Amino acid sequence: MRSGSLGAIGGAGDGDPQQTQESIVIVVFLNLKGGCGKSTSAVHLSRYLLKRNKQVALLDADPQQTSIDWIDSLQPTIPRPECRRATQPKALQAQLHDCLNRFDVTIVDSPPGIGRLQRILLLFADVVMIPVQPGIPDLRATPKLLEAVRLARGARYRFEPSAALPAIGKPEFKAFTFLVRTQPNTLLAEKARMLLRDRDDAYFSKLIFPS
């Protein structure tokens, strides 16, 4: 059973994983499905980190651009992350390199699926966040996504870091699953928690986004 805290993203963490703020630079929200809470979670995390006085970029790699549309709709007086767009592989790599040099944390909202864009993100990521709704389709899709995470770890073991892909060779990136659109004190939520906690390839975060 693996569970962990996300506190290290904003400062000192409490529990697994024991990562310092300096080591967490790129946080990627990933899922095979659309409409599962990636954009909502990415925006909320970016706003939370801004309140912790972090320099934050929100990189929207989804052609729907939901995250950026949401940020653009905020009142002008509300602090917001710097928004970036990149929906093609070369543009995505260029934006990731630029963000590494400019920001404390870059939050990436990825498109659904596991294709070339997502594999690039898995090579750069320090933390992978996987939102899961407590239903059969999401719970069945999660193992396939975690297999892609496992393969990315293997790829990062096999190659040396380079200017093109600086994260390769740093396989210790963490993956988290967390529940979204969930009423915490229900039988369905408890069953989902049990299934996710039993996995050895990702931490289960206590963070829950209610419906």
N, C-alpha and C. Protein backbone atom coordinates (compact mmCIF):
# COMPACT_ATOMS: atom_id res chain seq x y z
N MET A 1 0.85 -1.19 0.00
CA MET A 1 0.00 0.00 0.00
C MET A 1 0.88 1.24 0.00
N ARG A 2 0.67 2.15 -0.96
CA ARG A 2 1.48 3.34 -1.08
C ARG A 2 0.58 4.56 -1.02
N SER A 3 0.87 5.46 -0.11
CA SER A 3 0.18 6.73 -0.09
C SER A 3 1.20 7.81 0.17
N GLY A 4 0.90 9.01 -0.25
CA GLY A 4 1.90 10.06 -0.12
C GLY A 4 1.29 11.43 -0.08
N SER A 5 2.13 12.39 0.28
CA SER A 5 1.73 13.79 0.40
C SER A 5 2.25 14.58 -0.78
N LEU A 6 1.51 15.61 -1.18
CA LEU A 6 1.94 16.52 -2.22
C LEU A 6 2.55 17.78 -1.66
N GLY A 7 2.77 17.82 -0.36
CA GLY A 7 3.26 19.04 0.27
C GLY A 7 4.58 19.51 -0.28
N ALA A 8 5.40 18.60 -0.79
CA ALA A 8 6.73 18.98 -1.27
C ALA A 8 6.66 19.91 -2.47
N ILE A 9 5.54 19.91 -3.21
CA ILE A 9 5.44 20.79 -4.36
C ILE A 9 5.42 22.25 -3.92
N GLY A 10 4.80 22.52 -2.79
CA GLY A 10 4.73 23.89 -2.33
C GLY A 10 5.76 24.24 -1.30
N GLY A 11 6.52 23.29 -0.82
CA GLY A 11 7.52 23.54 0.20
C GLY A 11 7.92 22.23 0.81
N ALA A 12 8.02 22.17 2.14
CA ALA A 12 8.40 20.93 2.81
C ALA A 12 7.25 19.95 2.77
N GLY A 13 7.55 18.70 2.44
CA GLY A 13 6.53 17.67 2.39
C GLY A 13 6.41 16.94 3.71
N ASP A 14 5.35 16.13 3.85
CA ASP A 14 5.17 15.34 5.07
C ASP A 14 4.85 13.92 4.65
N GLY A 15 5.87 13.07 4.58
CA GLY A 15 5.63 11.69 4.18
C GLY A 15 6.15 11.45 2.78
N ASP A 16 5.87 10.27 2.24
CA ASP A 16 6.35 9.93 0.91
C ASP A 16 5.64 10.77 -0.13
N PRO A 17 6.32 11.18 -1.18
CA PRO A 17 7.75 11.02 -1.40
C PRO A 17 8.53 12.13 -0.72
N GLN A 18 9.75 11.84 -0.29
CA GLN A 18 10.58 12.84 0.37
C GLN A 18 11.35 13.63 -0.69
N GLN A 19 10.67 14.55 -1.36
CA GLN A 19 11.30 15.37 -2.38
C GLN A 19 11.33 16.81 -1.90
N THR A 20 12.40 17.53 -2.21
CA THR A 20 12.49 18.93 -1.87
C THR A 20 11.83 19.76 -2.95
N GLN A 21 11.53 21.02 -2.63
CA GLN A 21 10.94 21.90 -3.62
C GLN A 21 11.83 22.04 -4.85
N GLU A 22 13.16 22.09 -4.64
CA GLU A 22 14.07 22.30 -5.76
C GLU A 22 13.97 21.17 -6.79
N SER A 23 13.60 19.97 -6.37
CA SER A 23 13.58 18.84 -7.29
C SER A 23 12.27 18.74 -8.06
N ILE A 24 11.26 19.47 -7.66
CA ILE A 24 9.96 19.40 -8.32
C ILE A 24 9.80 20.64 -9.19
N VAL A 25 9.98 20.46 -10.49
CA VAL A 25 9.97 21.57 -11.42
C VAL A 25 8.82 21.46 -12.41
N ILE A 26 8.54 20.25 -12.89
CA ILE A 26 7.48 20.04 -13.88
C ILE A 26 6.48 19.03 -13.34
N VAL A 27 5.24 19.46 -13.24
CA VAL A 27 4.14 18.61 -12.77
C VAL A 27 3.18 18.40 -13.94
N VAL A 28 2.96 17.15 -14.32
CA VAL A 28 2.15 16.81 -15.48
C VAL A 28 0.86 16.13 -15.04
N PHE A 29 -0.28 16.65 -15.49
CA PHE A 29 -1.57 15.99 -15.26
C PHE A 29 -1.89 15.15 -16.48
N LEU A 30 -2.15 13.87 -16.24
CA LEU A 30 -2.22 12.89 -17.32
C LEU A 30 -3.40 11.95 -17.10
N ASN A 31 -4.07 11.60 -18.20
CA ASN A 31 -5.11 10.57 -18.14
C ASN A 31 -5.43 10.11 -19.55
N LEU A 32 -5.91 8.89 -19.68
CA LEU A 32 -6.31 8.39 -20.99
C LEU A 32 -7.61 9.03 -21.46
N LYS A 33 -8.42 9.51 -20.53
CA LYS A 33 -9.75 10.01 -20.83
C LYS A 33 -9.80 11.52 -20.75
N GLY A 34 -10.75 12.09 -21.50
CA GLY A 34 -11.07 13.50 -21.33
C GLY A 34 -12.16 13.66 -20.29
N GLY A 35 -12.35 14.87 -19.81
CA GLY A 35 -13.42 15.14 -18.86
C GLY A 35 -13.24 14.49 -17.52
N CYS A 36 -11.98 14.24 -17.12
CA CYS A 36 -11.74 13.53 -15.86
C CYS A 36 -11.16 14.43 -14.78
N GLY A 37 -11.03 15.73 -15.05
CA GLY A 37 -10.56 16.64 -14.01
C GLY A 37 -9.13 17.10 -14.16
N LYS A 38 -8.47 16.81 -15.29
CA LYS A 38 -7.09 17.26 -15.47
C LYS A 38 -6.98 18.78 -15.45
N SER A 39 -7.81 19.44 -16.26
CA SER A 39 -7.73 20.90 -16.37
C SER A 39 -8.10 21.57 -15.05
N THR A 40 -9.18 21.11 -14.44
CA THR A 40 -9.59 21.68 -13.15
C THR A 40 -8.47 21.56 -12.13
N SER A 41 -7.87 20.39 -12.05
CA SER A 41 -6.82 20.15 -11.06
C SER A 41 -5.58 20.99 -11.37
N ALA A 42 -5.22 21.10 -12.66
CA ALA A 42 -4.05 21.88 -13.04
C ALA A 42 -4.22 23.35 -12.68
N VAL A 43 -5.39 23.89 -12.94
CA VAL A 43 -5.64 25.30 -12.61
C VAL A 43 -5.61 25.52 -11.11
N HIS A 44 -6.25 24.64 -10.35
CA HIS A 44 -6.26 24.80 -8.89
C HIS A 44 -4.85 24.71 -8.31
N LEU A 45 -4.05 23.78 -8.81
CA LEU A 45 -2.68 23.66 -8.29
C LEU A 45 -1.86 24.89 -8.64
N SER A 46 -2.03 25.42 -9.84
CA SER A 46 -1.27 26.62 -10.21
C SER A 46 -1.64 27.80 -9.33
N ARG A 47 -2.92 27.94 -9.02
CA ARG A 47 -3.36 29.05 -8.16
C ARG A 47 -2.85 28.84 -6.73
N TYR A 48 -2.85 27.61 -6.25
CA TYR A 48 -2.33 27.32 -4.91
C TYR A 48 -0.86 27.70 -4.81
N LEU A 49 -0.07 27.33 -5.83
CA LEU A 49 1.36 27.63 -5.79
C LEU A 49 1.63 29.12 -5.89
N LEU A 50 0.81 29.84 -6.64
CA LEU A 50 0.95 31.30 -6.68
C LEU A 50 0.77 31.90 -5.29
N LYS A 51 -0.18 31.36 -4.54
CA LYS A 51 -0.39 31.86 -3.18
C LYS A 51 0.78 31.53 -2.27
N ARG A 52 1.57 30.54 -2.65
CA ARG A 52 2.78 30.20 -1.90
C ARG A 52 4.00 30.95 -2.42
N ASN A 53 3.74 32.00 -3.21
CA ASN A 53 4.80 32.88 -3.74
C ASN A 53 5.77 32.16 -4.67
N LYS A 54 5.26 31.20 -5.43
CA LYS A 54 6.06 30.53 -6.44
C LYS A 54 5.86 31.20 -7.80
N GLN A 55 6.91 31.16 -8.61
CA GLN A 55 6.79 31.59 -10.01
C GLN A 55 6.26 30.39 -10.79
N VAL A 56 5.05 30.53 -11.35
CA VAL A 56 4.33 29.38 -11.90
C VAL A 56 3.97 29.62 -13.37
N ALA A 57 4.21 28.61 -14.19
CA ALA A 57 3.71 28.59 -15.57
C ALA A 57 2.66 27.50 -15.68
N LEU A 58 1.62 27.78 -16.44
CA LEU A 58 0.60 26.79 -16.76
C LEU A 58 0.70 26.52 -18.26
N LEU A 59 1.17 25.34 -18.61
CA LEU A 59 1.39 24.96 -20.00
C LEU A 59 0.25 24.05 -20.45
N ASP A 60 -0.56 24.53 -21.37
CA ASP A 60 -1.71 23.77 -21.85
C ASP A 60 -1.34 23.08 -23.15
N ALA A 61 -1.24 21.76 -23.10
CA ALA A 61 -0.89 20.96 -24.28
C ALA A 61 -2.11 20.32 -24.93
N ASP A 62 -3.28 20.59 -24.39
CA ASP A 62 -4.53 20.04 -24.92
C ASP A 62 -5.10 21.00 -25.96
N PRO A 63 -5.40 20.54 -27.18
CA PRO A 63 -5.95 21.43 -28.20
C PRO A 63 -7.22 22.16 -27.75
N GLN A 64 -7.97 21.61 -26.82
CA GLN A 64 -9.17 22.28 -26.34
C GLN A 64 -8.85 23.53 -25.52
N GLN A 65 -7.63 23.60 -24.96
CA GLN A 65 -7.16 24.79 -24.23
C GLN A 65 -8.07 25.17 -23.07
N THR A 66 -8.62 24.18 -22.39
CA THR A 66 -9.55 24.43 -21.29
C THR A 66 -8.89 25.19 -20.15
N SER A 67 -7.68 24.81 -19.80
CA SER A 67 -7.00 25.47 -18.68
C SER A 67 -6.78 26.95 -18.94
N ILE A 68 -6.28 27.27 -20.13
CA ILE A 68 -6.01 28.67 -20.46
C ILE A 68 -7.31 29.46 -20.55
N ASP A 69 -8.35 28.87 -21.13
CA ASP A 69 -9.64 29.56 -21.19
C ASP A 69 -10.13 29.89 -19.79
N TRP A 70 -9.93 28.97 -18.86
CA TRP A 70 -10.36 29.19 -17.49
C TRP A 70 -9.57 30.34 -16.86
N ILE A 71 -8.26 30.34 -17.03
CA ILE A 71 -7.44 31.42 -16.48
C ILE A 71 -7.81 32.75 -17.11
N ASP A 72 -8.05 32.76 -18.42
CA ASP A 72 -8.41 34.00 -19.11
C ASP A 72 -9.73 34.58 -18.61
N SER A 73 -10.59 33.73 -18.05
CA SER A 73 -11.89 34.20 -17.57
C SER A 73 -11.84 34.82 -16.18
N LEU A 74 -10.68 34.74 -15.51
CA LEU A 74 -10.56 35.31 -14.17
C LEU A 74 -10.60 36.83 -14.21
N GLN A 75 -11.04 37.42 -13.12
CA GLN A 75 -11.02 38.87 -13.00
C GLN A 75 -9.59 39.38 -13.12
N PRO A 76 -9.39 40.55 -13.72
CA PRO A 76 -8.03 41.07 -13.92
C PRO A 76 -7.24 41.24 -12.63
N THR A 77 -7.92 41.43 -11.51
CA THR A 77 -7.22 41.65 -10.24
C THR A 77 -6.74 40.36 -9.59
N ILE A 78 -7.16 39.21 -10.11
CA ILE A 78 -6.79 37.93 -9.51
C ILE A 78 -5.44 37.48 -10.06
N PRO A 79 -4.47 37.17 -9.18
CA PRO A 79 -3.17 36.68 -9.67
C PRO A 79 -3.34 35.41 -10.50
N ARG A 80 -2.54 35.30 -11.51
CA ARG A 80 -2.65 34.15 -12.41
C ARG A 80 -1.27 33.69 -12.85
N PRO A 81 -1.14 32.41 -13.18
CA PRO A 81 0.15 31.93 -13.70
C PRO A 81 0.37 32.45 -15.11
N GLU A 82 1.60 32.38 -15.56
CA GLU A 82 1.86 32.68 -16.97
C GLU A 82 1.39 31.49 -17.79
N CYS A 83 0.54 31.77 -18.77
CA CYS A 83 -0.04 30.70 -19.58
C CYS A 83 0.75 30.50 -20.86
N ARG A 84 1.02 29.25 -21.18
CA ARG A 84 1.73 28.87 -22.41
C ARG A 84 0.88 27.84 -23.16
N ARG A 85 1.01 27.85 -24.48
CA ARG A 85 0.31 26.88 -25.32
C ARG A 85 1.33 26.07 -26.12
N ALA A 86 1.11 24.77 -26.22
CA ALA A 86 1.98 23.92 -27.04
C ALA A 86 1.26 22.60 -27.29
N THR A 87 0.80 22.42 -28.52
CA THR A 87 0.05 21.20 -28.85
C THR A 87 0.76 20.33 -29.88
N GLN A 88 1.98 20.72 -30.27
CA GLN A 88 2.79 19.93 -31.19
C GLN A 88 4.10 19.55 -30.50
N PRO A 89 4.68 18.39 -30.84
CA PRO A 89 5.86 17.90 -30.11
C PRO A 89 7.02 18.88 -30.04
N LYS A 90 7.42 19.49 -31.17
CA LYS A 90 8.57 20.40 -31.14
C LYS A 90 8.27 21.63 -30.29
N ALA A 91 7.08 22.17 -30.45
CA ALA A 91 6.71 23.34 -29.65
C ALA A 91 6.65 22.99 -28.17
N LEU A 92 6.18 21.78 -27.86
CA LEU A 92 6.09 21.36 -26.47
C LEU A 92 7.48 21.28 -25.84
N GLN A 93 8.42 20.66 -26.54
CA GLN A 93 9.78 20.56 -26.00
C GLN A 93 10.41 21.94 -25.82
N ALA A 94 10.18 22.84 -26.78
CA ALA A 94 10.73 24.19 -26.67
C ALA A 94 10.16 24.92 -25.46
N GLN A 95 8.86 24.79 -25.25
CA GLN A 95 8.23 25.46 -24.11
C GLN A 95 8.72 24.87 -22.79
N LEU A 96 8.87 23.56 -22.73
CA LEU A 96 9.36 22.94 -21.50
C LEU A 96 10.77 23.42 -21.16
N HIS A 97 11.63 23.50 -22.16
CA HIS A 97 12.99 24.00 -21.91
C HIS A 97 12.96 25.44 -21.42
N ASP A 98 12.14 26.27 -22.05
CA ASP A 98 12.07 27.67 -21.65
C ASP A 98 11.53 27.80 -20.23
N CYS A 99 10.49 27.03 -19.91
CA CYS A 99 9.90 27.10 -18.57
C CYS A 99 10.88 26.63 -17.49
N LEU A 100 11.70 25.64 -17.82
CA LEU A 100 12.70 25.16 -16.86
C LEU A 100 13.62 26.28 -16.40
N ASN A 101 13.90 27.23 -17.28
CA ASN A 101 14.82 28.31 -16.97
C ASN A 101 14.15 29.53 -16.36
N ARG A 102 12.82 29.58 -16.38
CA ARG A 102 12.13 30.80 -15.99
C ARG A 102 11.26 30.67 -14.74
N PHE A 103 10.81 29.47 -14.41
CA PHE A 103 9.78 29.32 -13.38
C PHE A 103 10.20 28.32 -12.31
N ASP A 104 9.64 28.51 -11.11
CA ASP A 104 9.86 27.54 -10.04
C ASP A 104 9.16 26.22 -10.38
N VAL A 105 7.92 26.33 -10.84
CA VAL A 105 7.11 25.13 -11.14
C VAL A 105 6.35 25.37 -12.44
N THR A 106 6.33 24.37 -13.30
CA THR A 106 5.51 24.38 -14.50
C THR A 106 4.46 23.30 -14.39
N ILE A 107 3.20 23.70 -14.49
CA ILE A 107 2.07 22.76 -14.44
C ILE A 107 1.63 22.50 -15.87
N VAL A 108 1.53 21.23 -16.25
CA VAL A 108 1.17 20.88 -17.63
C VAL A 108 -0.17 20.15 -17.64
N ASP A 109 -1.10 20.69 -18.43
CA ASP A 109 -2.38 20.04 -18.67
C ASP A 109 -2.27 19.31 -20.01
N SER A 110 -2.21 17.98 -19.96
CA SER A 110 -1.98 17.21 -21.19
C SER A 110 -3.30 16.83 -21.85
N PRO A 111 -3.28 16.54 -23.15
CA PRO A 111 -4.47 16.01 -23.80
C PRO A 111 -4.73 14.58 -23.35
N PRO A 112 -5.95 14.08 -23.54
CA PRO A 112 -6.22 12.68 -23.18
C PRO A 112 -5.47 11.72 -24.09
N GLY A 113 -5.20 10.54 -23.56
CA GLY A 113 -4.53 9.51 -24.34
C GLY A 113 -3.08 9.33 -23.93
N ILE A 114 -2.39 8.46 -24.66
CA ILE A 114 -0.97 8.23 -24.40
C ILE A 114 -0.26 8.11 -25.76
N GLY A 115 0.04 9.25 -26.34
CA GLY A 115 0.72 9.31 -27.62
C GLY A 115 2.06 10.01 -27.50
N ARG A 116 2.50 10.62 -28.59
CA ARG A 116 3.84 11.22 -28.61
C ARG A 116 3.96 12.37 -27.61
N LEU A 117 2.95 13.24 -27.55
CA LEU A 117 3.01 14.36 -26.62
C LEU A 117 3.14 13.88 -25.18
N GLN A 118 2.32 12.91 -24.82
CA GLN A 118 2.35 12.41 -23.45
C GLN A 118 3.69 11.74 -23.13
N ARG A 119 4.27 11.05 -24.10
CA ARG A 119 5.56 10.40 -23.85
C ARG A 119 6.67 11.43 -23.68
N ILE A 120 6.60 12.52 -24.41
CA ILE A 120 7.56 13.61 -24.19
C ILE A 120 7.42 14.14 -22.77
N LEU A 121 6.18 14.35 -22.35
CA LEU A 121 5.94 14.87 -21.00
C LEU A 121 6.46 13.91 -19.93
N LEU A 122 6.32 12.62 -20.17
CA LEU A 122 6.82 11.65 -19.19
C LEU A 122 8.35 11.65 -19.10
N LEU A 123 9.02 12.10 -20.14
CA LEU A 123 10.48 12.20 -20.09
C LEU A 123 10.94 13.44 -19.32
N PHE A 124 10.10 14.46 -19.28
CA PHE A 124 10.46 15.70 -18.60
C PHE A 124 9.95 15.76 -17.16
N ALA A 125 8.90 15.01 -16.85
CA ALA A 125 8.16 15.22 -15.61
C ALA A 125 8.98 14.92 -14.36
N ASP A 126 8.74 15.72 -13.32
CA ASP A 126 9.21 15.40 -11.97
C ASP A 126 8.10 14.72 -11.17
N VAL A 127 6.85 15.13 -11.44
CA VAL A 127 5.68 14.53 -10.80
C VAL A 127 4.61 14.34 -11.86
N VAL A 128 3.99 13.16 -11.87
CA VAL A 128 2.86 12.87 -12.74
C VAL A 128 1.63 12.70 -11.87
N MET A 129 0.61 13.48 -12.16
CA MET A 129 -0.64 13.45 -11.40
C MET A 129 -1.73 12.83 -12.26
N ILE A 130 -2.38 11.79 -11.74
CA ILE A 130 -3.39 11.06 -12.50
C ILE A 130 -4.73 11.16 -11.77
N PRO A 131 -5.63 12.03 -12.24
CA PRO A 131 -6.95 12.12 -11.62
C PRO A 131 -7.80 10.91 -12.00
N VAL A 132 -8.53 10.38 -11.03
CA VAL A 132 -9.33 9.18 -11.26
C VAL A 132 -10.73 9.40 -10.69
N GLN A 133 -11.74 9.22 -11.53
CA GLN A 133 -13.11 9.22 -11.03
C GLN A 133 -13.44 7.81 -10.52
N PRO A 134 -14.24 7.72 -9.46
CA PRO A 134 -14.48 6.41 -8.84
C PRO A 134 -15.52 5.58 -9.59
N GLY A 135 -15.29 5.35 -10.86
CA GLY A 135 -16.19 4.54 -11.66
C GLY A 135 -15.41 3.47 -12.40
N ILE A 136 -16.11 2.48 -12.93
CA ILE A 136 -15.44 1.35 -13.59
C ILE A 136 -14.59 1.78 -14.78
N PRO A 137 -15.06 2.68 -15.69
CA PRO A 137 -14.21 3.05 -16.84
C PRO A 137 -12.87 3.65 -16.41
N ASP A 138 -12.89 4.56 -15.44
CA ASP A 138 -11.65 5.19 -14.99
C ASP A 138 -10.73 4.19 -14.30
N LEU A 139 -11.29 3.38 -13.43
CA LEU A 139 -10.47 2.43 -12.68
C LEU A 139 -9.87 1.37 -13.61
N ARG A 140 -10.57 1.01 -14.67
CA ARG A 140 -10.02 0.05 -15.63
C ARG A 140 -8.95 0.68 -16.51
N ALA A 141 -9.07 1.98 -16.79
CA ALA A 141 -8.09 2.66 -17.65
C ALA A 141 -6.80 2.97 -16.92
N THR A 142 -6.86 3.12 -15.60
CA THR A 142 -5.68 3.55 -14.84
C THR A 142 -4.48 2.61 -14.98
N PRO A 143 -4.64 1.28 -14.91
CA PRO A 143 -3.46 0.40 -15.06
C PRO A 143 -2.73 0.58 -16.38
N LYS A 144 -3.45 0.82 -17.47
CA LYS A 144 -2.80 1.03 -18.76
C LYS A 144 -1.94 2.29 -18.73
N LEU A 145 -2.46 3.34 -18.11
CA LEU A 145 -1.69 4.58 -18.00
C LEU A 145 -0.47 4.39 -17.11
N LEU A 146 -0.63 3.66 -16.03
CA LEU A 146 0.51 3.42 -15.14
C LEU A 146 1.57 2.54 -15.80
N GLU A 147 1.17 1.71 -16.74
CA GLU A 147 2.15 0.94 -17.50
C GLU A 147 3.01 1.88 -18.35
N ALA A 148 2.39 2.90 -18.93
CA ALA A 148 3.15 3.90 -19.69
C ALA A 148 4.12 4.65 -18.78
N VAL A 149 3.69 4.93 -17.56
CA VAL A 149 4.57 5.57 -16.58
C VAL A 149 5.76 4.66 -16.28
N ARG A 150 5.49 3.37 -16.10
CA ARG A 150 6.58 2.41 -15.81
C ARG A 150 7.57 2.36 -16.96
N LEU A 151 7.08 2.34 -18.19
CA LEU A 151 7.96 2.30 -19.35
C LEU A 151 8.80 3.57 -19.46
N ALA A 152 8.21 4.70 -19.11
CA ALA A 152 8.96 5.96 -19.13
C ALA A 152 10.09 5.93 -18.12
N ARG A 153 9.84 5.35 -16.96
CA ARG A 153 10.91 5.22 -15.97
C ARG A 153 12.06 4.38 -16.55
N GLY A 154 11.70 3.31 -17.23
CA GLY A 154 12.73 2.47 -17.83
C GLY A 154 13.54 3.21 -18.88
N ALA A 155 12.85 4.02 -19.70
CA ALA A 155 13.55 4.80 -20.72
C ALA A 155 14.51 5.78 -20.09
N ARG A 156 14.12 6.35 -18.97
CA ARG A 156 14.98 7.34 -18.31
C ARG A 156 16.17 6.68 -17.63
N TYR A 157 16.07 5.43 -17.30
CA TYR A 157 17.23 4.68 -16.80
C TYR A 157 18.25 4.42 -17.91
N ARG A 158 17.76 4.18 -19.12
CA ARG A 158 18.63 3.67 -20.17
C ARG A 158 19.49 4.74 -20.84
N PHE A 159 19.04 6.01 -20.76
CA PHE A 159 19.74 7.05 -21.50
C PHE A 159 20.36 8.07 -20.56
N GLU A 160 21.42 8.72 -21.04
CA GLU A 160 22.08 9.76 -20.27
C GLU A 160 21.33 11.08 -20.45
N PRO A 161 21.37 11.96 -19.44
CA PRO A 161 20.77 13.29 -19.61
C PRO A 161 21.43 14.02 -20.77
N SER A 162 20.67 14.87 -21.44
CA SER A 162 21.20 15.64 -22.56
C SER A 162 20.52 17.00 -22.59
N ALA A 163 21.05 17.89 -23.40
CA ALA A 163 20.43 19.20 -23.52
C ALA A 163 19.04 19.08 -24.10
N ALA A 164 18.82 18.08 -24.97
CA ALA A 164 17.51 17.92 -25.60
C ALA A 164 16.48 17.37 -24.62
N LEU A 165 16.88 16.42 -23.79
CA LEU A 165 15.97 15.79 -22.84
C LEU A 165 16.67 15.71 -21.49
N PRO A 166 16.67 16.82 -20.72
CA PRO A 166 17.45 16.86 -19.49
C PRO A 166 16.95 15.92 -18.41
N ALA A 167 15.69 15.50 -18.47
CA ALA A 167 15.16 14.65 -17.41
C ALA A 167 15.59 13.20 -17.55
N ILE A 168 15.98 12.79 -18.76
CA ILE A 168 16.39 11.40 -18.95
C ILE A 168 17.58 11.08 -18.06
N GLY A 169 17.54 9.96 -17.39
CA GLY A 169 18.58 9.62 -16.43
C GLY A 169 18.17 9.95 -15.01
N LYS A 170 16.99 10.58 -14.86
CA LYS A 170 16.47 10.89 -13.53
C LYS A 170 15.17 10.10 -13.36
N PRO A 171 15.25 8.78 -13.19
CA PRO A 171 14.06 7.94 -13.22
C PRO A 171 13.21 8.02 -11.97
N GLU A 172 13.68 8.75 -10.94
CA GLU A 172 12.98 8.71 -9.68
C GLU A 172 11.77 9.64 -9.63
N PHE A 173 11.23 10.04 -10.79
CA PHE A 173 10.03 10.88 -10.75
C PHE A 173 8.88 10.11 -10.11
N LYS A 174 7.99 10.83 -9.48
CA LYS A 174 6.89 10.21 -8.74
C LYS A 174 5.59 10.30 -9.53
N ALA A 175 4.77 9.28 -9.43
CA ALA A 175 3.42 9.28 -9.99
C ALA A 175 2.42 9.18 -8.85
N PHE A 176 1.39 9.98 -8.93
CA PHE A 176 0.32 9.98 -7.94
C PHE A 176 -1.02 9.73 -8.63
N THR A 177 -1.87 8.93 -8.03
CA THR A 177 -3.28 8.90 -8.38
C THR A 177 -4.05 9.65 -7.30
N PHE A 178 -5.14 10.28 -7.71
CA PHE A 178 -5.98 10.96 -6.72
C PHE A 178 -7.41 11.00 -7.25
N LEU A 179 -8.36 10.99 -6.33
CA LEU A 179 -9.77 10.91 -6.69
C LEU A 179 -10.35 12.28 -6.98
N VAL A 180 -11.20 12.34 -8.01
CA VAL A 180 -11.91 13.57 -8.37
C VAL A 180 -13.40 13.26 -8.49
N ARG A 181 -14.20 14.33 -8.40
CA ARG A 181 -15.65 14.20 -8.52
C ARG A 181 -16.16 13.07 -7.64
N THR A 182 -15.75 13.15 -6.39
CA THR A 182 -15.98 12.07 -5.45
C THR A 182 -16.56 12.62 -4.16
N GLN A 183 -17.59 11.99 -3.66
CA GLN A 183 -18.06 12.27 -2.31
C GLN A 183 -17.26 11.38 -1.37
N PRO A 184 -16.42 11.97 -0.49
CA PRO A 184 -15.43 11.17 0.25
C PRO A 184 -16.02 10.04 1.09
N ASN A 185 -17.12 10.27 1.76
CA ASN A 185 -17.61 9.29 2.74
C ASN A 185 -18.68 8.38 2.13
N THR A 186 -18.33 7.75 1.03
CA THR A 186 -19.26 6.83 0.38
C THR A 186 -18.57 5.49 0.14
N LEU A 187 -19.38 4.44 -0.03
CA LEU A 187 -18.84 3.11 -0.29
C LEU A 187 -18.06 3.08 -1.60
N LEU A 188 -18.57 3.80 -2.62
CA LEU A 188 -17.89 3.83 -3.91
C LEU A 188 -16.51 4.46 -3.79
N ALA A 189 -16.41 5.55 -3.05
CA ALA A 189 -15.11 6.20 -2.85
C ALA A 189 -14.15 5.29 -2.10
N GLU A 190 -14.64 4.58 -1.11
CA GLU A 190 -13.77 3.69 -0.33
C GLU A 190 -13.26 2.54 -1.19
N LYS A 191 -14.10 1.98 -2.05
CA LYS A 191 -13.65 0.90 -2.94
C LYS A 191 -12.59 1.41 -3.90
N ALA A 192 -12.79 2.62 -4.43
CA ALA A 192 -11.79 3.19 -5.34
C ALA A 192 -10.48 3.43 -4.61
N ARG A 193 -10.54 3.93 -3.39
CA ARG A 193 -9.32 4.15 -2.61
C ARG A 193 -8.57 2.85 -2.40
N MET A 194 -9.29 1.78 -2.08
CA MET A 194 -8.64 0.49 -1.84
C MET A 194 -7.92 -0.01 -3.09
N LEU A 195 -8.57 0.13 -4.25
CA LEU A 195 -7.95 -0.34 -5.49
C LEU A 195 -6.69 0.46 -5.82
N LEU A 196 -6.75 1.77 -5.62
CA LEU A 196 -5.60 2.62 -5.97
C LEU A 196 -4.47 2.46 -4.97
N ARG A 197 -4.80 2.26 -3.71
CA ARG A 197 -3.75 2.10 -2.69
C ARG A 197 -2.97 0.81 -2.87
N ASP A 198 -3.59 -0.20 -3.46
CA ASP A 198 -2.93 -1.49 -3.60
C ASP A 198 -1.88 -1.52 -4.71
N ARG A 199 -1.80 -0.47 -5.50
CA ARG A 199 -0.85 -0.47 -6.61
C ARG A 199 0.55 -0.11 -6.11
N ASP A 200 1.56 -0.75 -6.73
CA ASP A 200 2.95 -0.49 -6.37
C ASP A 200 3.63 0.51 -7.30
N ASP A 201 2.95 0.92 -8.38
CA ASP A 201 3.60 1.77 -9.37
C ASP A 201 3.23 3.24 -9.25
N ALA A 202 2.40 3.59 -8.26
CA ALA A 202 2.05 5.00 -8.05
C ALA A 202 1.61 5.19 -6.61
N TYR A 203 1.91 6.36 -6.08
CA TYR A 203 1.41 6.72 -4.77
C TYR A 203 -0.06 7.09 -4.89
N PHE A 204 -0.81 6.82 -3.83
CA PHE A 204 -2.19 7.29 -3.76
C PHE A 204 -2.22 8.52 -2.88
N SER A 205 -2.65 9.64 -3.45
CA SER A 205 -2.69 10.88 -2.70
C SER A 205 -4.00 10.98 -1.92
N LYS A 206 -3.92 11.52 -0.73
CA LYS A 206 -5.11 11.74 0.08
C LYS A 206 -5.95 12.90 -0.44
N LEU A 207 -5.38 13.68 -1.36
CA LEU A 207 -6.10 14.78 -1.97
C LEU A 207 -7.33 14.25 -2.70
N ILE A 208 -8.50 14.89 -2.45
CA ILE A 208 -9.74 14.53 -3.14
C ILE A 208 -10.42 15.80 -3.61
N PHE A 209 -10.84 15.84 -4.86
CA PHE A 209 -11.66 16.93 -5.37
C PHE A 209 -13.11 16.46 -5.37
N PRO A 210 -13.96 17.01 -4.49
CA PRO A 210 -15.36 16.58 -4.46
C PRO A 210 -16.06 16.90 -5.77
N SER A 211 -17.20 16.26 -5.98
CA SER A 211 -17.99 16.53 -7.18
C SER A 211 -18.71 17.86 -7.03
